[in-house]
Amino acid sequence: MTKAEIITEITKNTGLNKEDVANTIESLMETIKNSLANKENVYLRGFGSFIIKQRAEKTARNISKNITMIVPANSIPAFKPADVFMEVVK
C-alpha cells in the first residue's frame, strides 16, 4: 500500500478532505523524522515504537581491493511493533 492509497482509504473512512488528510500524514512523518534526528524515540501506544538503534564499530573487508577497513559506529532508525499490532498481523 502506498502513501496515496493510505490517504484515499482514510478519506473514504472519515469523510475528511483529501488535502487535509495528506497534510496530516506528511506532518506526522515529518514529526517522527525530526524526533528521531534529535535522538528522541517515538511511542505510539497500540501500534509500535520508532527508535534509534546504535550500531557498533566493526571491521569490514573490500574483497576486490583486498583491504580491511573500519566502519565507524552509527545510529539507524528502527520500528518495533506493539504486541497488539503483532497479534493482528499473525
PDB file of N, CA and C in Angstrom:
ATOM      1  N   MET A   1       0.850  -1.172   0.000  1.00  0.00           N
ATOM      2  CA  MET A   1       0.000   0.000   0.000  1.00  0.00           C
ATOM      3  C   MET A   1       0.897   1.236   0.000  1.00  0.00           C
ATOM      4  N   THR A   2       0.607   2.159  -0.876  1.00  0.00           N
ATOM      5  CA  THR A   2       1.397   3.390  -0.977  1.00  0.00           C
ATOM      6  C   THR A   2       0.793   4.491  -0.112  1.00  0.00           C
ATOM      7  N   LYS A   3       1.527   5.586   0.029  1.00  0.00           N
ATOM      8  CA  LYS A   3       1.040   6.719   0.811  1.00  0.00           C
ATOM      9  C   LYS A   3      -0.249   7.260   0.196  1.00  0.00           C
ATOM     10  N   ALA A   4      -0.316   7.335  -1.128  1.00  0.00           N
ATOM     11  CA  ALA A   4      -1.526   7.828  -1.804  1.00  0.00           C
ATOM     12  C   ALA A   4      -2.720   6.919  -1.516  1.00  0.00           C
ATOM     13  N   GLU A   5      -2.492   5.624  -1.488  1.00  0.00           N
ATOM     14  CA  GLU A   5      -3.576   4.681  -1.185  1.00  0.00           C
ATOM     15  C   GLU A   5      -4.027   4.820   0.266  1.00  0.00           C
ATOM     16  N   ILE A   6      -3.098   5.059   1.172  1.00  0.00           N
ATOM     17  CA  ILE A   6      -3.447   5.278   2.577  1.00  0.00           C
ATOM     18  C   ILE A   6      -4.291   6.539   2.708  1.00  0.00           C
ATOM     19  N   ILE A   7      -3.898   7.604   2.031  1.00  0.00           N
ATOM     20  CA  ILE A   7      -4.652   8.863   2.070  1.00  0.00           C
ATOM     21  C   ILE A   7      -6.063   8.657   1.533  1.00  0.00           C
ATOM     22  N   THR A   8      -6.193   7.938   0.430  1.00  0.00           N
ATOM     23  CA  THR A   8      -7.505   7.657  -0.148  1.00  0.00           C
ATOM     24  C   THR A   8      -8.365   6.837   0.802  1.00  0.00           C
ATOM     25  N   GLU A   9      -7.778   5.838   1.438  1.00  0.00           N
ATOM     26  CA  GLU A   9      -8.511   4.986   2.375  1.00  0.00           C
ATOM     27  C   GLU A   9      -9.004   5.784   3.586  1.00  0.00           C
ATOM     28  N   ILE A  10      -8.146   6.634   4.140  1.00  0.00           N
ATOM     29  CA  ILE A  10      -8.542   7.465   5.284  1.00  0.00           C
ATOM     30  C   ILE A  10      -9.633   8.444   4.869  1.00  0.00           C
ATOM     31  N   THR A  11      -9.519   8.999   3.674  1.00  0.00           N
ATOM     32  CA  THR A  11     -10.534   9.918   3.167  1.00  0.00           C
ATOM     33  C   THR A  11     -11.887   9.226   3.064  1.00  0.00           C
ATOM     34  N   LYS A  12     -11.903   7.991   2.550  1.00  0.00           N
ATOM     35  CA  LYS A  12     -13.151   7.237   2.440  1.00  0.00           C
ATOM     36  C   LYS A  12     -13.734   6.916   3.810  1.00  0.00           C
ATOM     37  N   ASN A  13     -12.877   6.521   4.759  1.00  0.00           N
ATOM     38  CA  ASN A  13     -13.351   6.098   6.077  1.00  0.00           C
ATOM     39  C   ASN A  13     -13.831   7.260   6.946  1.00  0.00           C
ATOM     40  N   THR A  14     -13.237   8.440   6.786  1.00  0.00           N
ATOM     41  CA  THR A  14     -13.566   9.550   7.673  1.00  0.00           C
ATOM     42  C   THR A  14     -14.409  10.636   7.021  1.00  0.00           C
ATOM     43  N   GLY A  15     -14.400  10.719   5.714  1.00  0.00           N
ATOM     44  CA  GLY A  15     -15.128  11.773   5.025  1.00  0.00           C
ATOM     45  C   GLY A  15     -14.402  13.105   5.041  1.00  0.00           C
ATOM     46  N   LEU A  16     -13.153  13.101   5.497  1.00  0.00           N
ATOM     47  CA  LEU A  16     -12.362  14.324   5.522  1.00  0.00           C
ATOM     48  C   LEU A  16     -11.863  14.665   4.126  1.00  0.00           C
ATOM     49  N   ASN A  17     -11.457  15.912   3.947  1.00  0.00           N
ATOM     50  CA  ASN A  17     -10.900  16.405   2.697  1.00  0.00           C
ATOM     51  C   ASN A  17      -9.567  15.709   2.419  1.00  0.00           C
ATOM     52  N   LYS A  18      -9.332  15.342   1.169  1.00  0.00           N
ATOM     53  CA  LYS A  18      -8.107  14.629   0.800  1.00  0.00           C
ATOM     54  C   LYS A  18      -6.852  15.448   1.090  1.00  0.00           C
ATOM     55  N   GLU A  19      -6.901  16.748   0.861  1.00  0.00           N
ATOM     56  CA  GLU A  19      -5.741  17.607   1.110  1.00  0.00           C
ATOM     57  C   GLU A  19      -5.420  17.678   2.601  1.00  0.00           C
ATOM     58  N   ASP A  20      -6.462  17.734   3.437  1.00  0.00           N
ATOM     59  CA  ASP A  20      -6.263  17.770   4.881  1.00  0.00           C
ATOM     60  C   ASP A  20      -5.622  16.480   5.383  1.00  0.00           C
ATOM     61  N   VAL A  21      -6.091  15.358   4.858  1.00  0.00           N
ATOM     62  CA  VAL A  21      -5.525  14.065   5.252  1.00  0.00           C
ATOM     63  C   VAL A  21      -4.076  13.977   4.795  1.00  0.00           C
ATOM     64  N   ALA A  22      -3.783  14.410   3.572  1.00  0.00           N
ATOM     65  CA  ALA A  22      -2.409  14.380   3.052  1.00  0.00           C
ATOM     66  C   ALA A  22      -1.493  15.255   3.899  1.00  0.00           C
ATOM     67  N   ASN A  23      -1.963  16.438   4.280  1.00  0.00           N
ATOM     68  CA  ASN A  23      -1.160  17.333   5.122  1.00  0.00           C
ATOM     69  C   ASN A  23      -0.911  16.725   6.494  1.00  0.00           C
ATOM     70  N   THR A  24      -1.923  16.057   7.042  1.00  0.00           N
ATOM     71  CA  THR A  24      -1.776  15.418   8.348  1.00  0.00           C
ATOM     72  C   THR A  24      -0.767  14.279   8.294  1.00  0.00           C
ATOM     73  N   ILE A  25      -0.842  13.449   7.262  1.00  0.00           N
ATOM     74  CA  ILE A  25       0.101  12.329   7.096  1.00  0.00           C
ATOM     75  C   ILE A  25       1.518  12.865   6.927  1.00  0.00           C
ATOM     76  N   GLU A  26       1.680  13.884   6.094  1.00  0.00           N
ATOM     77  CA  GLU A  26       3.003  14.481   5.879  1.00  0.00           C
ATOM     78  C   GLU A  26       3.557  15.063   7.173  1.00  0.00           C
ATOM     79  N   SER A  27       2.692  15.718   7.938  1.00  0.00           N
ATOM     80  CA  SER A  27       3.109  16.303   9.207  1.00  0.00           C
ATOM     81  C   SER A  27       3.524  15.224  10.201  1.00  0.00           C
ATOM     82  N   LEU A  28       2.776  14.125  10.250  1.00  0.00           N
ATOM     83  CA  LEU A  28       3.115  13.003  11.128  1.00  0.00           C
ATOM     84  C   LEU A  28       4.492  12.444  10.774  1.00  0.00           C
ATOM     85  N   MET A  29       4.721  12.198   9.495  1.00  0.00           N
ATOM     86  CA  MET A  29       6.001  11.632   9.068  1.00  0.00           C
ATOM     87  C   MET A  29       7.151  12.595   9.341  1.00  0.00           C
ATOM     88  N   GLU A  30       6.932  13.881   9.127  1.00  0.00           N
ATOM     89  CA  GLU A  30       7.973  14.885   9.373  1.00  0.00           C
ATOM     90  C   GLU A  30       8.293  14.973  10.867  1.00  0.00           C
ATOM     91  N   THR A  31       7.261  14.901  11.703  1.00  0.00           N
ATOM     92  CA  THR A  31       7.457  14.951  13.150  1.00  0.00           C
ATOM     93  C   THR A  31       8.243  13.744  13.640  1.00  0.00           C
ATOM     94  N   ILE A  32       7.900  12.556  13.137  1.00  0.00           N
ATOM     95  CA  ILE A  32       8.632  11.338  13.520  1.00  0.00           C
ATOM     96  C   ILE A  32      10.082  11.441  13.067  1.00  0.00           C
ATOM     97  N   LYS A  33      10.290  11.895  11.839  1.00  0.00           N
ATOM     98  CA  LYS A  33      11.649  12.024  11.301  1.00  0.00           C
ATOM     99  C   LYS A  33      12.481  13.010  12.116  1.00  0.00           C
ATOM    100  N   ASN A  34      11.889  14.153  12.464  1.00  0.00           N
ATOM    101  CA  ASN A  34      12.606  15.158  13.243  1.00  0.00           C
ATOM    102  C   ASN A  34      12.915  14.656  14.653  1.00  0.00           C
ATOM    103  N   SER A  35      11.983  13.944  15.258  1.00  0.00           N
ATOM    104  CA  SER A  35      12.212  13.396  16.597  1.00  0.00           C
ATOM    105  C   SER A  35      13.366  12.399  16.576  1.00  0.00           C
ATOM    106  N   LEU A  36      13.390  11.523  15.595  1.00  0.00           N
ATOM    107  CA  LEU A  36      14.477  10.549  15.505  1.00  0.00           C
ATOM    108  C   LEU A  36      15.804  11.229  15.206  1.00  0.00           C
ATOM    109  N   ALA A  37      15.773  12.291  14.408  1.00  0.00           N
ATOM    110  CA  ALA A  37      17.005  13.039  14.121  1.00  0.00           C
ATOM    111  C   ALA A  37      17.546  13.687  15.385  1.00  0.00           C
ATOM    112  N   ASN A  38      16.660  14.032  16.323  1.00  0.00           N
ATOM    113  CA  ASN A  38      17.068  14.617  17.604  1.00  0.00           C
ATOM    114  C   ASN A  38      17.280  13.558  18.679  1.00  0.00           C
ATOM    115  N   LYS A  39      17.416  12.305  18.257  1.00  0.00           N
ATOM    116  CA  LYS A  39      17.677  11.175  19.165  1.00  0.00           C
ATOM    117  C   LYS A  39      16.538  10.939  20.158  1.00  0.00           C
ATOM    118  N   GLU A  40      15.305  11.285  19.794  1.00  0.00           N
ATOM    119  CA  GLU A  40      14.138  11.055  20.634  1.00  0.00           C
ATOM    120  C   GLU A  40      13.311   9.930  20.022  1.00  0.00           C
ATOM    121  N   ASN A  41      13.011   8.901  20.809  1.00  0.00           N
ATOM    122  CA  ASN A  41      12.162   7.813  20.338  1.00  0.00           C
ATOM    123  C   ASN A  41      10.709   8.270  20.282  1.00  0.00           C
ATOM    124  N   VAL A  42       9.925   7.641  19.402  1.00  0.00           N
ATOM    125  CA  VAL A  42       8.504   7.964  19.252  1.00  0.00           C
ATOM    126  C   VAL A  42       7.712   6.710  19.595  1.00  0.00           C
ATOM    127  N   TYR A  43       6.796   6.823  20.556  1.00  0.00           N
ATOM    128  CA  TYR A  43       5.998   5.690  21.016  1.00  0.00           C
ATOM    129  C   TYR A  43       4.530   5.928  20.657  1.00  0.00           C
ATOM    130  N   LEU A  44       3.952   5.033  19.865  1.00  0.00           N
ATOM    131  CA  LEU A  44       2.540   5.104  19.509  1.00  0.00           C
ATOM    132  C   LEU A  44       1.851   3.881  20.118  1.00  0.00           C
ATOM    133  N   ARG A  45       1.178   4.094  21.256  1.00  0.00           N
ATOM    134  CA  ARG A  45       0.553   3.007  22.004  1.00  0.00           C
ATOM    135  C   ARG A  45      -0.408   2.225  21.109  1.00  0.00           C
ATOM    136  N   GLY A  46      -0.278   0.905  21.122  1.00  0.00           N
ATOM    137  CA  GLY A  46      -1.129   0.035  20.326  1.00  0.00           C
ATOM    138  C   GLY A  46      -0.650  -0.141  18.894  1.00  0.00           C
ATOM    139  N   PHE A  47       0.365   0.602  18.487  1.00  0.00           N
ATOM    140  CA  PHE A  47       0.897   0.496  17.129  1.00  0.00           C
ATOM    141  C   PHE A  47       2.350   0.046  17.147  1.00  0.00           C
ATOM    142  N   GLY A  48       3.211   0.825  17.796  1.00  0.00           N
ATOM    143  CA  GLY A  48       4.614   0.455  17.868  1.00  0.00           C
ATOM    144  C   GLY A  48       5.487   1.641  18.223  1.00  0.00           C
ATOM    145  N   SER A  49       6.784   1.418  18.163  1.00  0.00           N
ATOM    146  CA  SER A  49       7.755   2.438  18.534  1.00  0.00           C
ATOM    147  C   SER A  49       8.762   2.638  17.414  1.00  0.00           C
ATOM    148  N   PHE A  50       9.036   3.894  17.125  1.00  0.00           N
ATOM    149  CA  PHE A  50      10.120   4.255  16.222  1.00  0.00           C
ATOM    150  C   PHE A  50      11.291   4.602  17.120  1.00  0.00           C
ATOM    151  N   ILE A  51      12.376   3.849  17.001  1.00  0.00           N
ATOM    152  CA  ILE A  51      13.503   4.008  17.909  1.00  0.00           C
ATOM    153  C   ILE A  51      14.801   4.183  17.136  1.00  0.00           C
ATOM    154  N   ILE A  52      15.816   4.663  17.841  1.00  0.00           N
ATOM    155  CA  ILE A  52      17.164   4.778  17.289  1.00  0.00           C
ATOM    156  C   ILE A  52      17.988   3.619  17.840  1.00  0.00           C
ATOM    157  N   LYS A  53      18.561   2.828  16.947  1.00  0.00           N
ATOM    158  CA  LYS A  53      19.442   1.741  17.363  1.00  0.00           C
ATOM    159  C   LYS A  53      20.887   2.156  17.101  1.00  0.00           C
ATOM    160  N   GLN A  54      21.759   1.723  17.983  1.00  0.00           N
ATOM    161  CA  GLN A  54      23.187   2.032  17.849  1.00  0.00           C
ATOM    162  C   GLN A  54      23.901   0.826  17.246  1.00  0.00           C
ATOM    163  N   ARG A  55      24.616   1.055  16.186  1.00  0.00           N
ATOM    164  CA  ARG A  55      25.444   0.009  15.592  1.00  0.00           C
ATOM    165  C   ARG A  55      26.879   0.219  16.059  1.00  0.00           C
ATOM    166  N   ALA A  56      27.506  -0.843  16.503  1.00  0.00           N
ATOM    167  CA  ALA A  56      28.878  -0.765  16.997  1.00  0.00           C
ATOM    168  C   ALA A  56      29.864  -0.647  15.827  1.00  0.00           C
ATOM    169  N   GLU A  57      31.048  -0.162  16.145  1.00  0.00           N
ATOM    170  CA  GLU A  57      32.124  -0.109  15.161  1.00  0.00           C
ATOM    171  C   GLU A  57      32.487  -1.535  14.768  1.00  0.00           C
ATOM    172  N   LYS A  58      32.796  -1.736  13.480  1.00  0.00           N
ATOM    173  CA  LYS A  58      33.150  -3.090  13.051  1.00  0.00           C
ATOM    174  C   LYS A  58      34.203  -3.037  11.954  1.00  0.00           C
ATOM    175  N   THR A  59      34.817  -4.160  11.728  1.00  0.00           N
ATOM    176  CA  THR A  59      35.823  -4.301  10.686  1.00  0.00           C
ATOM    177  C   THR A  59      35.169  -4.916   9.457  1.00  0.00           C
ATOM    178  N   ALA A  60      35.400  -4.321   8.299  1.00  0.00           N
ATOM    179  CA  ALA A  60      34.847  -4.828   7.044  1.00  0.00           C
ATOM    180  C   ALA A  60      35.980  -5.045   6.054  1.00  0.00           C
ATOM    181  N   ARG A  61      35.703  -5.871   5.050  1.00  0.00           N
ATOM    182  CA  ARG A  61      36.719  -6.151   4.032  1.00  0.00           C
ATOM    183  C   ARG A  61      36.196  -5.762   2.664  1.00  0.00           C
ATOM    184  N   ASN A  62      37.075  -5.111   1.882  1.00  0.00           N
ATOM    185  CA  ASN A  62      36.801  -4.837   0.486  1.00  0.00           C
ATOM    186  C   ASN A  62      37.490  -5.952  -0.292  1.00  0.00           C
ATOM    187  N   ILE A  63      36.727  -6.902  -0.755  1.00  0.00           N
ATOM    188  CA  ILE A  63      37.287  -8.104  -1.374  1.00  0.00           C
ATOM    189  C   ILE A  63      38.006  -7.778  -2.673  1.00  0.00           C
ATOM    190  N   SER A  64      37.466  -6.846  -3.469  1.00  0.00           N
ATOM    191  CA  SER A  64      38.082  -6.550  -4.763  1.00  0.00           C
ATOM    192  C   SER A  64      39.468  -5.910  -4.611  1.00  0.00           C
ATOM    193  N   LYS A  65      39.671  -5.099  -3.579  1.00  0.00           N
ATOM    194  CA  LYS A  65      40.971  -4.460  -3.359  1.00  0.00           C
ATOM    195  C   LYS A  65      41.795  -5.188  -2.311  1.00  0.00           C
ATOM    196  N   ASN A  66      41.185  -6.177  -1.670  1.00  0.00           N
ATOM    197  CA  ASN A  66      41.838  -6.983  -0.640  1.00  0.00           C
ATOM    198  C   ASN A  66      42.393  -6.113   0.497  1.00  0.00           C
ATOM    199  N   ILE A  67      41.540  -5.207   0.988  1.00  0.00           N
ATOM    200  CA  ILE A  67      41.935  -4.368   2.118  1.00  0.00           C
ATOM    201  C   ILE A  67      40.894  -4.480   3.232  1.00  0.00           C
ATOM    202  N   THR A  68      41.334  -4.179   4.425  1.00  0.00           N
ATOM    203  CA  THR A  68      40.444  -4.159   5.587  1.00  0.00           C
ATOM    204  C   THR A  68      40.220  -2.714   5.992  1.00  0.00           C
ATOM    205  N   MET A  69      38.970  -2.398   6.354  1.00  0.00           N
ATOM    206  CA  MET A  69      38.668  -1.038   6.775  1.00  0.00           C
ATOM    207  C   MET A  69      37.777  -1.073   8.013  1.00  0.00           C
ATOM    208  N   ILE A  70      37.769   0.012   8.730  1.00  0.00           N
ATOM    209  CA  ILE A  70      36.945   0.144   9.935  1.00  0.00           C
ATOM    210  C   ILE A  70      35.677   0.923   9.568  1.00  0.00           C
ATOM    211  N   VAL A  71      34.520   0.334   9.853  1.00  0.00           N
ATOM    212  CA  VAL A  71      33.245   1.021   9.675  1.00  0.00           C
ATOM    213  C   VAL A  71      32.897   1.627  11.032  1.00  0.00           C
ATOM    214  N   PRO A  72      32.776   2.953  11.113  1.00  0.00           N
ATOM    215  CA  PRO A  72      32.537   3.583  12.418  1.00  0.00           C
ATOM    216  C   PRO A  72      31.145   3.258  12.977  1.00  0.00           C
ATOM    217  N   ALA A  73      31.005   3.431  14.280  1.00  0.00           N
ATOM    218  CA  ALA A  73      29.704   3.244  14.927  1.00  0.00           C
ATOM    219  C   ALA A  73      28.736   4.281  14.378  1.00  0.00           C
ATOM    220  N   ASN A  74      27.472   3.896  14.265  1.00  0.00           N
ATOM    221  CA  ASN A  74      26.471   4.834  13.763  1.00  0.00           C
ATOM    222  C   ASN A  74      25.096   4.509  14.335  1.00  0.00           C
ATOM    223  N   SER A  75      24.167   5.402  14.094  1.00  0.00           N
ATOM    224  CA  SER A  75      22.793   5.236  14.554  1.00  0.00           C
ATOM    225  C   SER A  75      21.904   4.953  13.351  1.00  0.00           C
ATOM    226  N   ILE A  76      20.908   4.064  13.540  1.00  0.00           N
ATOM    227  CA  ILE A  76      19.955   3.780  12.476  1.00  0.00           C
ATOM    228  C   ILE A  76      18.545   3.797  13.058  1.00  0.00           C
ATOM    229  N   PRO A  77      17.562   4.231  12.260  1.00  0.00           N
ATOM    230  CA  PRO A  77      16.181   4.191  12.737  1.00  0.00           C
ATOM    231  C   PRO A  77      15.638   2.764  12.636  1.00  0.00           C
ATOM    232  N   ALA A  78      14.729   2.421  13.538  1.00  0.00           N
ATOM    233  CA  ALA A  78      14.113   1.096  13.530  1.00  0.00           C
ATOM    234  C   ALA A  78      12.673   1.222  14.016  1.00  0.00           C
ATOM    235  N   PHE A  79      11.849   0.254  13.633  1.00  0.00           N
ATOM    236  CA  PHE A  79      10.465   0.206  14.086  1.00  0.00           C
ATOM    237  C   PHE A  79      10.259  -1.089  14.854  1.00  0.00           C
ATOM    238  N   LYS A  80       9.674  -0.978  16.038  1.00  0.00           N
ATOM    239  CA  LYS A  80       9.363  -2.147  16.853  1.00  0.00           C
ATOM    240  C   LYS A  80       7.852  -2.178  17.045  1.00  0.00           C
ATOM    241  N   PRO A  81       7.153  -3.130  16.418  1.00  0.00           N
ATOM    242  CA  PRO A  81       5.698  -3.171  16.526  1.00  0.00           C
ATOM    243  C   PRO A  81       5.239  -3.545  17.930  1.00  0.00           C
ATOM    244  N   ALA A  82       4.075  -3.015  18.314  1.00  0.00           N
ATOM    245  CA  ALA A  82       3.478  -3.328  19.607  1.00  0.00           C
ATOM    246  C   ALA A  82       2.914  -4.747  19.573  1.00  0.00           C
ATOM    247  N   ASP A  83       2.721  -5.332  20.745  1.00  0.00           N
ATOM    248  CA  ASP A  83       2.177  -6.694  20.834  1.00  0.00           C
ATOM    249  C   ASP A  83       0.798  -6.788  20.185  1.00  0.00           C
ATOM    250  N   VAL A  84      -0.042  -5.771  20.385  1.00  0.00           N
ATOM    251  CA  VAL A  84      -1.379  -5.759  19.783  1.00  0.00           C
ATOM    252  C   VAL A  84      -1.264  -5.776  18.261  1.00  0.00           C
ATOM    253  N   PHE A  85      -0.333  -5.007  17.741  1.00  0.00           N
ATOM    254  CA  PHE A  85      -0.078  -4.951  16.294  1.00  0.00           C
ATOM    255  C   PHE A  85       0.344  -6.337  15.792  1.00  0.00           C
ATOM    256  N   MET A  86       1.237  -6.973  16.512  1.00  0.00           N
ATOM    257  CA  MET A  86       1.740  -8.296  16.120  1.00  0.00           C
ATOM    258  C   MET A  86       0.623  -9.334  16.112  1.00  0.00           C
ATOM    259  N   GLU A  87      -0.281  -9.270  17.072  1.00  0.00           N
ATOM    260  CA  GLU A  87      -1.382 -10.222  17.144  1.00  0.00           C
ATOM    261  C   GLU A  87      -2.308 -10.091  15.930  1.00  0.00           C
ATOM    262  N   VAL A  88      -2.547  -8.879  15.474  1.00  0.00           N
ATOM    263  CA  VAL A  88      -3.404  -8.653  14.315  1.00  0.00           C
ATOM    264  C   VAL A  88      -2.750  -9.187  13.052  1.00  0.00           C
ATOM    265  N   VAL A  89      -1.436  -9.007  12.931  1.00  0.00           N
ATOM    266  CA  VAL A  89      -0.710  -9.430  11.739  1.00  0.00           C
ATOM    267  C   VAL A  89      -0.593 -10.960  11.649  1.00  0.00           C
ATOM    268  N   LYS A  90      -0.453 -11.600  12.805  1.00  0.00           N
ATOM    269  CA  LYS A  90      -0.328 -13.069  12.816  1.00  0.00           C
ATOM    270  C   LYS A  90      -1.584 -13.639  12.243  1.00  0.00           C
TER     271      LYS A  90
END
